[in-house]
Amino acid sequence: MEITSKTAFEAWKKALSFVLINGEEFNDDGRICKEVPNLSICILNPSKGIKEPIEELRKFKKWVYPPIEEIREIALEKNSNPAYSYSYGTRIFNFQGKIDQINDYIIPLLKNNSYSRRGVVSLWDPHSDSITYKKDVPSLISVDFLIRDGKLNTTYYIRSNDIFFGFPANVYQLFIIQKYVADQLNVPIGSLTVFSASAHIFDDQVESIQEVLKSD
């Protein structure tokens, strides 16, 4: 299934509605989960209203959602943060403490060949993540950067995507990384696509999801 929308907020609401209606239920560690496999969410203009899903979640009094500034800093921070078991920024900008995958690879690659199909960043570390009993492993597995029609398009593969609670922060972080690369390459931002192997919501989120779906 593919969802295409102009903005992140519109895409988020479409995805929530689709999973709510079409998701298959199963018990996930005591919580009822509704899942749609292999859901593609394409945001045609991620520069417009990318913060809106986060702002919507921060209206709820049931939880404390991280502020936008913190979410942004984590996305670009190459050093590990003790508050998190892992962070995407560390995996992307300082993988295994050995390589900055953006500044040392992606940007030089696309500057040299704007039509390259090798602009891929990997976050899964087999040495530390491929352990059967380990729970805290990245959901974001890879990022693909592709310049076409003079714009930087990005595709993100996420193995497990909580569409209600996780998607707003994730898609904002992904946009921040996309914008960073686009600025370094001096090209406009194109589409942002999130491919979720498991796009899901939880039964205890349904009431809140319905509130979001009613919002403008």
Protein backbone atom coordinates (compact mmCIF):
# COMPACT_ATOMS: atom_id res chain seq x y z
CA MET A 1 0.00 0.00 0.00
CA GLU A 2 1.26 3.49 -0.86
CA ILE A 3 0.07 6.74 0.70
CA THR A 4 1.03 9.95 -1.07
CA SER A 5 0.39 13.38 0.45
CA LYS A 6 1.66 16.90 0.10
CA THR A 7 2.46 17.42 3.80
CA ALA A 8 3.60 15.35 6.79
CA PHE A 9 0.43 16.08 8.77
CA GLU A 10 -1.80 14.96 5.91
CA ALA A 11 0.31 11.83 5.40
CA TRP A 12 0.23 11.03 9.13
CA LYS A 13 -3.56 11.25 9.28
CA LYS A 14 -3.97 9.10 6.15
CA ALA A 15 -1.60 6.47 7.56
CA LEU A 16 -3.34 6.42 10.95
CA SER A 17 -6.73 5.99 9.29
CA PHE A 18 -5.48 3.25 6.98
CA VAL A 19 -3.86 1.20 9.76
CA LEU A 20 -6.87 1.74 12.04
CA ILE A 21 -9.24 0.35 9.39
CA ASN A 22 -7.07 -2.29 7.73
CA GLY A 23 -4.62 -3.43 10.40
CA GLU A 24 -4.53 -7.09 11.46
CA GLU A 25 -4.63 -7.57 15.23
CA PHE A 26 -2.21 -9.57 17.37
CA ASN A 27 -0.97 -9.56 20.96
CA ASP A 28 2.35 -7.74 21.27
CA ASP A 29 3.75 -8.25 24.79
CA GLY A 30 0.36 -7.70 26.38
CA ARG A 31 -0.80 -4.88 24.08
CA ILE A 32 -3.19 -5.39 21.20
CA CYS A 33 -1.40 -4.27 18.06
CA LYS A 34 -2.96 -3.53 14.65
CA GLU A 35 -0.41 -3.94 11.86
CA VAL A 36 -0.18 -3.26 8.14
CA PRO A 37 2.94 -4.77 6.54
CA ASN A 38 4.96 -2.92 3.90
CA LEU A 39 3.31 0.49 4.05
CA SER A 40 4.89 3.25 1.96
CA ILE A 41 4.25 6.86 2.97
CA CYS A 42 5.43 9.49 0.48
CA ILE A 43 5.49 13.18 1.47
CA LEU A 44 5.80 15.30 -1.65
CA ASN A 45 6.61 18.57 0.13
CA PRO A 46 8.23 17.75 3.48
CA SER A 47 9.40 21.34 3.95
CA LYS A 48 5.81 22.39 4.59
CA GLY A 49 4.39 21.73 8.05
CA ILE A 50 6.90 19.04 9.02
CA LYS A 51 6.52 19.97 12.71
CA GLU A 52 2.72 19.73 12.79
CA PRO A 53 2.43 16.06 13.86
CA ILE A 54 4.77 16.73 16.82
CA GLU A 55 2.83 19.85 17.77
CA GLU A 56 -0.39 17.83 17.66
CA LEU A 57 0.97 15.15 19.99
CA ARG A 58 2.27 17.77 22.41
CA LYS A 59 -1.31 19.01 22.90
CA PHE A 60 -2.21 15.83 24.75
CA LYS A 61 -1.89 15.85 28.54
CA LYS A 62 -1.55 12.05 28.81
CA TRP A 63 2.20 12.11 28.19
CA VAL A 64 5.20 14.41 27.79
CA TYR A 65 6.37 14.35 24.17
CA PRO A 66 9.95 15.51 23.57
CA PRO A 67 10.32 19.14 22.44
CA ILE A 68 11.16 19.77 18.81
CA GLU A 69 14.60 21.16 19.66
CA GLU A 70 15.59 17.95 21.45
CA ILE A 71 14.31 15.77 18.60
CA ARG A 72 16.34 17.82 16.13
CA GLU A 73 19.54 17.73 18.18
CA ILE A 74 19.41 13.94 18.56
CA ALA A 75 19.08 13.52 14.78
CA LEU A 76 22.31 15.41 14.10
CA GLU A 77 24.30 14.50 17.24
CA LYS A 78 27.25 12.24 16.50
CA ASN A 79 27.98 11.48 20.15
CA SER A 80 25.91 9.01 22.14
CA ASN A 81 23.33 10.37 24.58
CA PRO A 82 23.10 8.59 27.96
CA ALA A 83 19.34 9.16 27.96
CA TYR A 84 18.96 6.90 24.91
CA SER A 85 20.08 3.32 24.37
CA TYR A 86 20.98 4.35 20.84
CA SER A 87 20.35 7.34 18.60
CA TYR A 88 20.08 7.67 14.86
CA GLY A 89 22.50 10.58 14.78
CA THR A 90 25.30 8.50 16.29
CA ARG A 91 24.69 5.64 13.88
CA ILE A 92 24.61 7.98 10.89
CA PHE A 93 27.35 10.50 11.74
CA ASN A 94 29.68 8.29 13.80
CA PHE A 95 28.98 4.65 12.93
CA GLN A 96 30.99 2.35 15.22
CA GLY A 97 33.09 5.41 16.04
CA LYS A 98 34.73 5.02 12.64
CA ILE A 99 32.80 6.74 9.86
CA ASP A 100 30.62 9.78 9.31
CA GLN A 101 28.34 8.28 6.66
CA ILE A 102 26.96 11.66 5.60
CA ASN A 103 29.96 13.98 5.47
CA ASP A 104 32.57 11.38 4.54
CA TYR A 105 30.51 9.42 2.04
CA ILE A 106 27.07 10.65 0.92
CA ILE A 107 27.95 14.28 0.26
CA PRO A 108 31.25 13.61 -1.62
CA LEU A 109 29.55 10.81 -3.58
CA LEU A 110 26.64 12.94 -4.79
CA LYS A 111 28.88 15.95 -5.46
CA ASN A 112 30.97 13.76 -7.74
CA ASN A 113 28.03 11.99 -9.41
CA SER A 114 24.57 13.46 -8.88
CA TYR A 115 22.97 10.46 -10.63
CA SER A 116 24.55 7.89 -8.32
CA ARG A 117 22.35 5.08 -7.00
CA ARG A 118 24.83 4.22 -4.23
CA GLY A 119 23.81 6.95 -1.77
CA VAL A 120 22.86 4.54 1.01
CA VAL A 121 23.38 4.91 4.76
CA SER A 122 23.09 1.84 7.03
CA LEU A 123 22.14 1.91 10.70
CA TRP A 124 21.84 -1.77 11.60
CA ASP A 125 25.06 -3.05 13.13
CA PRO A 126 25.25 -6.87 12.95
CA HIS A 127 27.93 -6.96 15.66
CA SER A 128 25.76 -5.25 18.26
CA ASP A 129 22.20 -5.69 16.97
CA SER A 130 22.01 -9.24 15.60
CA ILE A 131 21.62 -10.76 19.06
CA THR A 132 18.44 -12.77 19.61
CA TYR A 133 17.77 -11.61 23.19
CA LYS A 134 18.55 -7.92 22.63
CA LYS A 135 15.52 -5.61 22.59
CA ASP A 136 16.90 -2.10 22.12
CA VAL A 137 17.82 -2.10 18.44
CA PRO A 138 17.20 0.58 15.79
CA SER A 139 13.89 0.75 14.00
CA LEU A 140 15.39 2.83 11.20
CA ILE A 141 17.54 0.47 9.16
CA SER A 142 18.67 2.44 6.12
CA VAL A 143 18.43 5.75 4.28
CA ASP A 144 18.68 6.20 0.52
CA PHE A 145 19.60 9.54 -1.04
CA LEU A 146 18.74 10.05 -4.71
CA ILE A 147 19.02 13.23 -6.77
CA ARG A 148 16.54 13.30 -9.63
CA ASP A 149 15.18 16.30 -11.57
CA GLY A 150 17.64 18.42 -9.61
CA LYS A 151 16.06 17.60 -6.22
CA LEU A 152 17.23 15.45 -3.31
CA ASN A 153 14.73 12.67 -2.66
CA THR A 154 15.10 10.38 0.34
CA THR A 155 13.71 6.95 1.14
CA TYR A 156 13.84 5.54 4.66
CA TYR A 157 13.39 1.86 5.50
CA ILE A 158 11.94 1.32 8.98
CA ARG A 159 11.48 -2.23 10.22
CA SER A 160 9.01 -1.33 13.01
CA ASN A 161 7.07 1.92 12.92
CA ASP A 162 4.61 3.04 15.61
CA ILE A 163 2.58 5.27 13.31
CA PHE A 164 0.88 7.20 16.10
CA PHE A 165 3.60 7.88 18.64
CA GLY A 166 6.82 7.25 16.73
CA PHE A 167 6.14 8.59 13.24
CA PRO A 168 5.93 12.34 14.11
CA ALA A 169 9.40 12.45 15.70
CA ASN A 170 10.91 10.02 13.21
CA VAL A 171 9.73 11.86 10.11
CA TYR A 172 10.93 15.19 11.52
CA GLN A 173 14.38 13.74 12.23
CA LEU A 174 14.49 12.24 8.75
CA PHE A 175 13.62 15.60 7.24
CA ILE A 176 16.35 17.34 9.27
CA ILE A 177 18.92 14.90 7.84
CA GLN A 178 17.53 15.32 4.33
CA LYS A 179 17.71 19.11 4.65
CA TYR A 180 21.27 18.96 5.98
CA VAL A 181 22.42 16.96 2.94
CA ALA A 182 20.44 19.10 0.49
CA ASP A 183 21.97 22.27 1.92
CA GLN A 184 25.49 20.84 1.62
CA LEU A 185 24.81 19.86 -1.99
CA ASN A 186 23.05 23.15 -2.74
CA VAL A 187 20.01 21.40 -4.22
CA PRO A 188 16.29 21.73 -3.37
CA ILE A 189 14.53 19.17 -1.19
CA GLY A 190 12.40 16.66 -3.06
CA SER A 191 10.11 13.97 -1.72
CA LEU A 192 10.53 12.09 1.56
CA THR A 193 9.34 8.47 1.57
CA VAL A 194 9.05 6.25 4.62
CA PHE A 195 8.76 2.52 3.94
CA SER A 196 7.60 0.63 7.02
CA ALA A 197 7.94 -3.16 7.08
CA SER A 198 5.57 -3.10 10.06
CA ALA A 199 3.34 -0.02 10.26
CA HIS A 200 1.30 -0.37 13.42
CA ILE A 201 -0.80 1.23 16.12
CA PHE A 202 -1.89 -0.05 19.52
CA ASP A 203 -5.40 -0.54 20.87
CA ASP A 204 -4.73 1.80 23.80
CA GLN A 205 -3.97 4.60 21.29
CA VAL A 206 -7.27 4.43 19.39
CA GLU A 207 -9.11 7.10 21.36
CA SER A 208 -6.25 9.56 20.88
CA ILE A 209 -5.93 8.62 17.20
CA GLN A 210 -9.58 9.41 16.64
CA GLU A 211 -9.02 12.84 18.19
CA VAL A 212 -6.16 13.49 15.76
CA LEU A 213 -8.27 12.36 12.79
CA LYS A 214 -10.94 14.90 13.73
CA SER A 215 -8.43 17.78 13.85
CA ASP A 216 -7.87 20.16 10.94
